[in-house]
Amino acid sequence: MVVCIMSNHINWKKAVEEYKENYEDDDGIHEYIDGLVPHYYYDISNAFLNFTAPIEASDVGADIATVMVRHIFDAYYESFMEEWTPFEEA
């Protein structure tokens, strides 16, 4: 489990609402969250410094930016899914 502080600046309830307004199903959640992850090294490092995540075996050998982005994505995904409710059947 990731202890996440940095995702607190994103209103996850509103992010879920925005997703549901723009998409008809849950197939695009990964791409949506990927769009929220910072792309510039300065922003990535600032976001990463605001939470704690253990280095995992899969991180060994990867460059630090890749490791940080992977952990940020995982933290964002976890926060998004905490607010997620399935689409209502029509």
PDB file of N, CA and C in Angstrom:
ATOM      1  N   MET A   1       0.840  -1.190   0.000  1.00  0.00           N
ATOM      2  CA  MET A   1       0.000   0.000   0.000  1.00  0.00           C
ATOM      3  C   MET A   1       0.873   1.236   0.000  1.00  0.00           C
ATOM      4  N   VAL A   2       0.470   2.215  -0.764  1.00  0.00           N
ATOM      5  CA  VAL A   2       1.187   3.475  -0.872  1.00  0.00           C
ATOM      6  C   VAL A   2       0.545   4.489   0.053  1.00  0.00           C
ATOM      7  N   VAL A   3       1.356   5.143   0.859  1.00  0.00           N
ATOM      8  CA  VAL A   3       0.854   6.241   1.673  1.00  0.00           C
ATOM      9  C   VAL A   3       0.946   7.483   0.807  1.00  0.00           C
ATOM     10  N   CYS A   4      -0.186   8.000   0.430  1.00  0.00           N
ATOM     11  CA  CYS A   4      -0.201   9.051  -0.578  1.00  0.00           C
ATOM     12  C   CYS A   4      -0.688  10.370  -0.002  1.00  0.00           C
ATOM     13  N   ILE A   5       0.168  11.352  -0.075  1.00  0.00           N
ATOM     14  CA  ILE A   5      -0.175  12.717   0.321  1.00  0.00           C
ATOM     15  C   ILE A   5      -0.347  13.569  -0.925  1.00  0.00           C
ATOM     16  N   MET A   6       0.471  13.300  -1.936  1.00  0.00           N
ATOM     17  CA  MET A   6       0.524  14.170  -3.094  1.00  0.00           C
ATOM     18  C   MET A   6      -0.731  14.161  -3.927  1.00  0.00           C
ATOM     19  N   SER A   7      -1.519  13.120  -3.859  1.00  0.00           N
ATOM     20  CA  SER A   7      -2.727  13.115  -4.674  1.00  0.00           C
ATOM     21  C   SER A   7      -3.850  13.911  -4.019  1.00  0.00           C
ATOM     22  N   ASN A   8      -3.587  14.469  -2.849  1.00  0.00           N
ATOM     23  CA  ASN A   8      -4.609  15.261  -2.174  1.00  0.00           C
ATOM     24  C   ASN A   8      -4.921  16.554  -2.915  1.00  0.00           C
ATOM     25  N   HIS A   9      -4.020  17.021  -3.771  1.00  0.00           N
ATOM     26  CA  HIS A   9      -4.300  18.248  -4.517  1.00  0.00           C
ATOM     27  C   HIS A   9      -5.291  18.004  -5.640  1.00  0.00           C
ATOM     28  N   ILE A  10      -5.570  16.755  -5.964  1.00  0.00           N
ATOM     29  CA  ILE A  10      -6.570  16.421  -6.975  1.00  0.00           C
ATOM     30  C   ILE A  10      -7.855  16.061  -6.247  1.00  0.00           C
ATOM     31  N   ASN A  11      -8.932  16.681  -6.665  1.00  0.00           N
ATOM     32  CA  ASN A  11     -10.233  16.333  -6.099  1.00  0.00           C
ATOM     33  C   ASN A  11     -10.706  15.085  -6.831  1.00  0.00           C
ATOM     34  N   TRP A  12     -10.539  13.930  -6.186  1.00  0.00           N
ATOM     35  CA  TRP A  12     -10.802  12.659  -6.859  1.00  0.00           C
ATOM     36  C   TRP A  12     -12.279  12.450  -7.144  1.00  0.00           C
ATOM     37  N   LYS A  13     -13.127  12.981  -6.308  1.00  0.00           N
ATOM     38  CA  LYS A  13     -14.568  12.871  -6.560  1.00  0.00           C
ATOM     39  C   LYS A  13     -14.927  13.594  -7.859  1.00  0.00           C
ATOM     40  N   LYS A  14     -14.361  14.793  -8.041  1.00  0.00           N
ATOM     41  CA  LYS A  14     -14.612  15.547  -9.272  1.00  0.00           C
ATOM     42  C   LYS A  14     -13.945  14.892 -10.471  1.00  0.00           C
ATOM     43  N   ALA A  15     -12.796  14.284 -10.258  1.00  0.00           N
ATOM     44  CA  ALA A  15     -12.117  13.585 -11.355  1.00  0.00           C
ATOM     45  C   ALA A  15     -12.967  12.425 -11.848  1.00  0.00           C
ATOM     46  N   VAL A  16     -13.580  11.685 -10.921  1.00  0.00           N
ATOM     47  CA  VAL A  16     -14.458  10.581 -11.298  1.00  0.00           C
ATOM     48  C   VAL A  16     -15.684  11.118 -12.039  1.00  0.00           C
ATOM     49  N   GLU A  17     -16.266  12.205 -11.540  1.00  0.00           N
ATOM     50  CA  GLU A  17     -17.418  12.809 -12.213  1.00  0.00           C
ATOM     51  C   GLU A  17     -17.051  13.257 -13.627  1.00  0.00           C
ATOM     52  N   GLU A  18     -15.893  13.889 -13.769  1.00  0.00           N
ATOM     53  CA  GLU A  18     -15.437  14.343 -15.080  1.00  0.00           C
ATOM     54  C   GLU A  18     -15.240  13.155 -16.023  1.00  0.00           C
ATOM     55  N   TYR A  19     -14.642  12.093 -15.508  1.00  0.00           N
ATOM     56  CA  TYR A  19     -14.447  10.895 -16.318  1.00  0.00           C
ATOM     57  C   TYR A  19     -15.788  10.366 -16.820  1.00  0.00           C
ATOM     58  N   LYS A  20     -16.741  10.253 -15.928  1.00  0.00           N
ATOM     59  CA  LYS A  20     -18.045   9.690 -16.290  1.00  0.00           C
ATOM     60  C   LYS A  20     -18.801  10.576 -17.273  1.00  0.00           C
ATOM     61  N   GLU A  21     -18.560  11.884 -17.228  1.00  0.00           N
ATOM     62  CA  GLU A  21     -19.199  12.795 -18.182  1.00  0.00           C
ATOM     63  C   GLU A  21     -18.635  12.611 -19.592  1.00  0.00           C
ATOM     64  N   ASN A  22     -17.369  12.206 -19.673  1.00  0.00           N
ATOM     65  CA  ASN A  22     -16.693  12.140 -20.962  1.00  0.00           C
ATOM     66  C   ASN A  22     -16.557  10.736 -21.539  1.00  0.00           C
ATOM     67  N   TYR A  23     -16.802   9.719 -20.737  1.00  0.00           N
ATOM     68  CA  TYR A  23     -16.631   8.344 -21.196  1.00  0.00           C
ATOM     69  C   TYR A  23     -17.882   7.536 -20.885  1.00  0.00           C
ATOM     70  N   GLU A  24     -18.154   6.549 -21.719  1.00  0.00           N
ATOM     71  CA  GLU A  24     -19.359   5.744 -21.564  1.00  0.00           C
ATOM     72  C   GLU A  24     -19.149   4.478 -20.744  1.00  0.00           C
ATOM     73  N   ASP A  25     -17.890   4.080 -20.547  1.00  0.00           N
ATOM     74  CA  ASP A  25     -17.609   2.875 -19.763  1.00  0.00           C
ATOM     75  C   ASP A  25     -16.288   3.052 -19.023  1.00  0.00           C
ATOM     76  N   ASP A  26     -15.849   2.009 -18.343  1.00  0.00           N
ATOM     77  CA  ASP A  26     -14.637   2.126 -17.539  1.00  0.00           C
ATOM     78  C   ASP A  26     -13.382   1.639 -18.256  1.00  0.00           C
ATOM     79  N   ASP A  27     -13.453   1.463 -19.569  1.00  0.00           N
ATOM     80  CA  ASP A  27     -12.301   0.972 -20.326  1.00  0.00           C
ATOM     81  C   ASP A  27     -11.156   1.976 -20.419  1.00  0.00           C
ATOM     82  N   GLY A  28     -11.430   3.250 -20.242  1.00  0.00           N
ATOM     83  CA  GLY A  28     -10.400   4.277 -20.413  1.00  0.00           C
ATOM     84  C   GLY A  28      -9.813   4.820 -19.129  1.00  0.00           C
ATOM     85  N   ILE A  29     -10.076   4.168 -18.011  1.00  0.00           N
ATOM     86  CA  ILE A  29      -9.600   4.691 -16.728  1.00  0.00           C
ATOM     87  C   ILE A  29      -8.078   4.804 -16.696  1.00  0.00           C
ATOM     88  N   HIS A  30      -7.378   3.785 -17.169  1.00  0.00           N
ATOM     89  CA  HIS A  30      -5.912   3.824 -17.138  1.00  0.00           C
ATOM     90  C   HIS A  30      -5.371   5.002 -17.952  1.00  0.00           C
ATOM     91  N   GLU A  31      -5.945   5.226 -19.122  1.00  0.00           N
ATOM     92  CA  GLU A  31      -5.487   6.332 -19.954  1.00  0.00           C
ATOM     93  C   GLU A  31      -5.819   7.678 -19.321  1.00  0.00           C
ATOM     94  N   TYR A  32      -6.996   7.767 -18.706  1.00  0.00           N
ATOM     95  CA  TYR A  32      -7.398   9.007 -18.035  1.00  0.00           C
ATOM     96  C   TYR A  32      -6.423   9.337 -16.907  1.00  0.00           C
ATOM     97  N   ILE A  33      -6.120   8.351 -16.087  1.00  0.00           N
ATOM     98  CA  ILE A  33      -5.206   8.570 -14.962  1.00  0.00           C
ATOM     99  C   ILE A  33      -3.807   8.883 -15.466  1.00  0.00           C
ATOM    100  N   ASP A  34      -3.390   8.207 -16.529  1.00  0.00           N
ATOM    101  CA  ASP A  34      -2.079   8.487 -17.107  1.00  0.00           C
ATOM    102  C   ASP A  34      -1.971   9.951 -17.531  1.00  0.00           C
ATOM    103  N   GLY A  35      -3.075  10.524 -17.973  1.00  0.00           N
ATOM    104  CA  GLY A  35      -3.088  11.929 -18.346  1.00  0.00           C
ATOM    105  C   GLY A  35      -2.959  12.875 -17.166  1.00  0.00           C
ATOM    106  N   LEU A  36      -3.225  12.388 -15.967  1.00  0.00           N
ATOM    107  CA  LEU A  36      -3.087  13.207 -14.758  1.00  0.00           C
ATOM    108  C   LEU A  36      -1.667  13.190 -14.190  1.00  0.00           C
ATOM    109  N   VAL A  37      -0.899  12.172 -14.547  1.00  0.00           N
ATOM    110  CA  VAL A  37       0.462  12.016 -14.029  1.00  0.00           C
ATOM    111  C   VAL A  37       1.357  13.095 -14.647  1.00  0.00           C
ATOM    112  N   PRO A  38       2.176  13.748 -13.836  1.00  0.00           N
ATOM    113  CA  PRO A  38       3.082  14.780 -14.367  1.00  0.00           C
ATOM    114  C   PRO A  38       4.015  14.214 -15.446  1.00  0.00           C
ATOM    115  N   HIS A  39       4.401  15.060 -16.405  1.00  0.00           N
ATOM    116  CA  HIS A  39       5.258  14.615 -17.499  1.00  0.00           C
ATOM    117  C   HIS A  39       6.668  15.195 -17.434  1.00  0.00           C
ATOM    118  N   TYR A  40       6.849  16.295 -16.759  1.00  0.00           N
ATOM    119  CA  TYR A  40       8.157  16.926 -16.671  1.00  0.00           C
ATOM    120  C   TYR A  40       8.869  16.485 -15.400  1.00  0.00           C
ATOM    121  N   TYR A  41      10.193  16.305 -15.517  1.00  0.00           N
ATOM    122  CA  TYR A  41      10.965  15.746 -14.411  1.00  0.00           C
ATOM    123  C   TYR A  41      10.786  16.560 -13.132  1.00  0.00           C
ATOM    124  N   TYR A  42      10.796  17.865 -13.218  1.00  0.00           N
ATOM    125  CA  TYR A  42      10.640  18.709 -12.031  1.00  0.00           C
ATOM    126  C   TYR A  42       9.316  18.403 -11.328  1.00  0.00           C
ATOM    127  N   ASP A  43       8.239  18.321 -12.102  1.00  0.00           N
ATOM    128  CA  ASP A  43       6.919  18.027 -11.530  1.00  0.00           C
ATOM    129  C   ASP A  43       6.845  16.600 -11.001  1.00  0.00           C
ATOM    130  N   ILE A  44       7.466  15.669 -11.719  1.00  0.00           N
ATOM    131  CA  ILE A  44       7.496  14.274 -11.275  1.00  0.00           C
ATOM    132  C   ILE A  44       8.210  14.160  -9.940  1.00  0.00           C
ATOM    133  N   SER A  45       9.380  14.783  -9.842  1.00  0.00           N
ATOM    134  CA  SER A  45      10.149  14.673  -8.601  1.00  0.00           C
ATOM    135  C   SER A  45       9.434  15.359  -7.445  1.00  0.00           C
ATOM    136  N   ASN A  46       8.786  16.494  -7.694  1.00  0.00           N
ATOM    137  CA  ASN A  46       8.026  17.156  -6.626  1.00  0.00           C
ATOM    138  C   ASN A  46       6.866  16.296  -6.160  1.00  0.00           C
ATOM    139  N   ALA A  47       6.146  15.698  -7.095  1.00  0.00           N
ATOM    140  CA  ALA A  47       5.021  14.838  -6.734  1.00  0.00           C
ATOM    141  C   ALA A  47       5.509  13.624  -5.960  1.00  0.00           C
ATOM    142  N   PHE A  48       6.595  13.029  -6.417  1.00  0.00           N
ATOM    143  CA  PHE A  48       7.119  11.822  -5.777  1.00  0.00           C
ATOM    144  C   PHE A  48       7.596  12.100  -4.354  1.00  0.00           C
ATOM    145  N   LEU A  49       8.154  13.265  -4.131  1.00  0.00           N
ATOM    146  CA  LEU A  49       8.674  13.608  -2.798  1.00  0.00           C
ATOM    147  C   LEU A  49       7.565  13.787  -1.764  1.00  0.00           C
ATOM    148  N   ASN A  50       6.335  13.930  -2.226  1.00  0.00           N
ATOM    149  CA  ASN A  50       5.217  14.158  -1.317  1.00  0.00           C
ATOM    150  C   ASN A  50       4.526  12.889  -0.849  1.00  0.00           C
ATOM    151  N   PHE A  51       5.052  11.738  -1.190  1.00  0.00           N
ATOM    152  CA  PHE A  51       4.462  10.509  -0.678  1.00  0.00           C
ATOM    153  C   PHE A  51       5.530   9.453  -0.477  1.00  0.00           C
ATOM    154  N   THR A  52       5.163   8.401   0.215  1.00  0.00           N
ATOM    155  CA  THR A  52       6.101   7.345   0.547  1.00  0.00           C
ATOM    156  C   THR A  52       5.674   6.062  -0.137  1.00  0.00           C
ATOM    157  N   ALA A  53       6.601   5.453  -0.836  1.00  0.00           N
ATOM    158  CA  ALA A  53       6.334   4.169  -1.471  1.00  0.00           C
ATOM    159  C   ALA A  53       7.613   3.345  -1.405  1.00  0.00           C
ATOM    160  N   PRO A  54       7.487   2.090  -1.040  1.00  0.00           N
ATOM    161  CA  PRO A  54       8.687   1.256  -0.988  1.00  0.00           C
ATOM    162  C   PRO A  54       9.178   0.912  -2.388  1.00  0.00           C
ATOM    163  N   ILE A  55      10.483   0.824  -2.537  1.00  0.00           N
ATOM    164  CA  ILE A  55      11.055   0.374  -3.797  1.00  0.00           C
ATOM    165  C   ILE A  55      10.784  -1.119  -3.902  1.00  0.00           C
ATOM    166  N   GLU A  56      10.332  -1.542  -5.063  1.00  0.00           N
ATOM    167  CA  GLU A  56       9.962  -2.931  -5.274  1.00  0.00           C
ATOM    168  C   GLU A  56      10.977  -3.605  -6.181  1.00  0.00           C
ATOM    169  N   ALA A  57      10.920  -4.923  -6.236  1.00  0.00           N
ATOM    170  CA  ALA A  57      11.840  -5.678  -7.082  1.00  0.00           C
ATOM    171  C   ALA A  57      11.715  -5.259  -8.541  1.00  0.00           C
ATOM    172  N   SER A  58      10.512  -4.929  -8.976  1.00  0.00           N
ATOM    173  CA  SER A  58      10.311  -4.519 -10.369  1.00  0.00           C
ATOM    174  C   SER A  58      10.947  -3.163 -10.670  1.00  0.00           C
ATOM    175  N   ASP A  59      11.305  -2.390  -9.638  1.00  0.00           N
ATOM    176  CA  ASP A  59      11.936  -1.090  -9.824  1.00  0.00           C
ATOM    177  C   ASP A  59      13.432  -1.195 -10.087  1.00  0.00           C
ATOM    178  N   VAL A  60      14.028  -2.293  -9.685  1.00  0.00           N
ATOM    179  CA  VAL A  60      15.474  -2.460  -9.802  1.00  0.00           C
ATOM    180  C   VAL A  60      15.872  -2.473 -11.272  1.00  0.00           C
ATOM    181  N   GLY A  61      16.823  -1.635 -11.600  1.00  0.00           N
ATOM    182  CA  GLY A  61      17.324  -1.555 -12.968  1.00  0.00           C
ATOM    183  C   GLY A  61      16.662  -0.486 -13.805  1.00  0.00           C
ATOM    184  N   ALA A  62      15.529   0.025 -13.371  1.00  0.00           N
ATOM    185  CA  ALA A  62      14.850   1.092 -14.118  1.00  0.00           C
ATOM    186  C   ALA A  62      15.424   2.442 -13.703  1.00  0.00           C
ATOM    187  N   ASP A  63      15.381   3.407 -14.616  1.00  0.00           N
ATOM    188  CA  ASP A  63      15.864   4.732 -14.245  1.00  0.00           C
ATOM    189  C   ASP A  63      14.886   5.359 -13.244  1.00  0.00           C
ATOM    190  N   ILE A  64      15.376   6.298 -12.477  1.00  0.00           N
ATOM    191  CA  ILE A  64      14.609   6.848 -11.359  1.00  0.00           C
ATOM    192  C   ILE A  64      13.325   7.535 -11.824  1.00  0.00           C
ATOM    193  N   ALA A  65      13.360   8.201 -12.973  1.00  0.00           N
ATOM    194  CA  ALA A  65      12.145   8.865 -13.463  1.00  0.00           C
ATOM    195  C   ALA A  65      11.051   7.840 -13.746  1.00  0.00           C
ATOM    196  N   THR A  66      11.415   6.697 -14.321  1.00  0.00           N
ATOM    197  CA  THR A  66      10.443   5.633 -14.595  1.00  0.00           C
ATOM    198  C   THR A  66       9.866   5.087 -13.305  1.00  0.00           C
ATOM    199  N   VAL A  67      10.714   4.889 -12.314  1.00  0.00           N
ATOM    200  CA  VAL A  67      10.257   4.394 -11.011  1.00  0.00           C
ATOM    201  C   VAL A  67       9.287   5.392 -10.385  1.00  0.00           C
ATOM    202  N   MET A  68       9.635   6.671 -10.409  1.00  0.00           N
ATOM    203  CA  MET A  68       8.774   7.683  -9.800  1.00  0.00           C
ATOM    204  C   MET A  68       7.427   7.756 -10.514  1.00  0.00           C
ATOM    205  N   VAL A  69       7.425   7.750 -11.848  1.00  0.00           N
ATOM    206  CA  VAL A  69       6.172   7.818 -12.605  1.00  0.00           C
ATOM    207  C   VAL A  69       5.311   6.599 -12.318  1.00  0.00           C
ATOM    208  N   ARG A  70       5.923   5.431 -12.245  1.00  0.00           N
ATOM    209  CA  ARG A  70       5.166   4.211 -11.956  1.00  0.00           C
ATOM    210  C   ARG A  70       4.483   4.306 -10.590  1.00  0.00           C
ATOM    211  N   HIS A  71       5.216   4.794  -9.600  1.00  0.00           N
ATOM    212  CA  HIS A  71       4.641   4.918  -8.260  1.00  0.00           C
ATOM    213  C   HIS A  71       3.568   6.007  -8.197  1.00  0.00           C
ATOM    214  N   ILE A  72       3.784   7.102  -8.895  1.00  0.00           N
ATOM    215  CA  ILE A  72       2.778   8.163  -8.937  1.00  0.00           C
ATOM    216  C   ILE A  72       1.501   7.637  -9.589  1.00  0.00           C
ATOM    217  N   PHE A  73       1.640   6.943 -10.715  1.00  0.00           N
ATOM    218  CA  PHE A  73       0.472   6.373 -11.387  1.00  0.00           C
ATOM    219  C   PHE A  73      -0.278   5.440 -10.452  1.00  0.00           C
ATOM    220  N   ASP A  74       0.447   4.564  -9.766  1.00  0.00           N
ATOM    221  CA  ASP A  74      -0.202   3.616  -8.850  1.00  0.00           C
ATOM    222  C   ASP A  74      -0.963   4.342  -7.741  1.00  0.00           C
ATOM    223  N   ALA A  75      -0.362   5.403  -7.211  1.00  0.00           N
ATOM    224  CA  ALA A  75      -1.016   6.174  -6.149  1.00  0.00           C
ATOM    225  C   ALA A  75      -2.254   6.884  -6.677  1.00  0.00           C
ATOM    226  N   TYR A  76      -2.153   7.471  -7.873  1.00  0.00           N
ATOM    227  CA  TYR A  76      -3.306   8.137  -8.483  1.00  0.00           C
ATOM    228  C   TYR A  76      -4.414   7.133  -8.764  1.00  0.00           C
ATOM    229  N   TYR A  77      -4.043   5.969  -9.285  1.00  0.00           N
ATOM    230  CA  TYR A  77      -5.036   4.944  -9.602  1.00  0.00           C
ATOM    231  C   TYR A  77      -5.773   4.512  -8.329  1.00  0.00           C
ATOM    232  N   GLU A  78      -5.012   4.283  -7.264  1.00  0.00           N
ATOM    233  CA  GLU A  78      -5.621   3.880  -5.993  1.00  0.00           C
ATOM    234  C   GLU A  78      -6.586   4.954  -5.486  1.00  0.00           C
ATOM    235  N   SER A  79      -6.188   6.209  -5.548  1.00  0.00           N
ATOM    236  CA  SER A  79      -7.047   7.300  -5.087  1.00  0.00           C
ATOM    237  C   SER A  79      -8.290   7.434  -5.956  1.00  0.00           C
ATOM    238  N   PHE A  80      -8.135   7.300  -7.269  1.00  0.00           N
ATOM    239  CA  PHE A  80      -9.265   7.387  -8.189  1.00  0.00           C
ATOM    240  C   PHE A  80     -10.261   6.265  -7.899  1.00  0.00           C
ATOM    241  N   MET A  81      -9.763   5.059  -7.724  1.00  0.00           N
ATOM    242  CA  MET A  81     -10.641   3.905  -7.529  1.00  0.00           C
ATOM    243  C   MET A  81     -11.341   3.937  -6.168  1.00  0.00           C
ATOM    244  N   GLU A  82     -10.786   4.649  -5.191  1.00  0.00           N
ATOM    245  CA  GLU A  82     -11.461   4.809  -3.901  1.00  0.00           C
ATOM    246  C   GLU A  82     -12.752   5.604  -4.071  1.00  0.00           C
ATOM    247  N   GLU A  83     -12.785   6.508  -5.056  1.00  0.00           N
ATOM    248  CA  GLU A  83     -13.971   7.323  -5.315  1.00  0.00           C
ATOM    249  C   GLU A  83     -14.872   6.720  -6.385  1.00  0.00           C
ATOM    250  N   TRP A  84     -14.388   5.718  -7.083  1.00  0.00           N
ATOM    251  CA  TRP A  84     -15.090   5.153  -8.226  1.00  0.00           C
ATOM    252  C   TRP A  84     -16.330   4.380  -7.780  1.00  0.00           C
ATOM    253  N   THR A  85     -17.407   4.584  -8.503  1.00  0.00           N
ATOM    254  CA  THR A  85     -18.602   3.756  -8.380  1.00  0.00           C
ATOM    255  C   THR A  85     -18.939   3.305  -9.792  1.00  0.00           C
ATOM    256  N   PRO A  86     -19.393   2.090  -9.971  1.00  0.00           N
ATOM    257  CA  PRO A  86     -19.683   1.605 -11.324  1.00  0.00           C
ATOM    258  C   PRO A  86     -20.737   2.446 -12.028  1.00  0.00           C
ATOM    259  N   PHE A  87     -20.677   2.420 -13.349  1.00  0.00           N
ATOM    260  CA  PHE A  87     -21.711   3.095 -14.134  1.00  0.00           C
ATOM    261  C   PHE A  87     -23.054   2.458 -13.831  1.00  0.00           C
ATOM    262  N   GLU A  88     -24.084   3.290 -13.781  1.00  0.00           N
ATOM    263  CA  GLU A  88     -25.427   2.766 -13.567  1.00  0.00           C
ATOM    264  C   GLU A  88     -25.913   2.164 -14.867  1.00  0.00           C
ATOM    265  N   GLU A  89     -26.591   1.043 -14.759  1.00  0.00           N
ATOM    266  CA  GLU A  89     -27.139   0.392 -15.935  1.00  0.00           C
ATOM    267  C   GLU A  89     -28.318   1.223 -16.464  1.00  0.00           C
ATOM    268  N   ALA A  90     -28.367   1.389 -17.766  1.00  0.00           N
ATOM    269  CA  ALA A  90     -29.433   2.198 -18.378  1.00  0.00           C
ATOM    270  C   ALA A  90     -30.713   1.400 -18.496  1.00  0.00           C
TER     271      ALA A  90
END
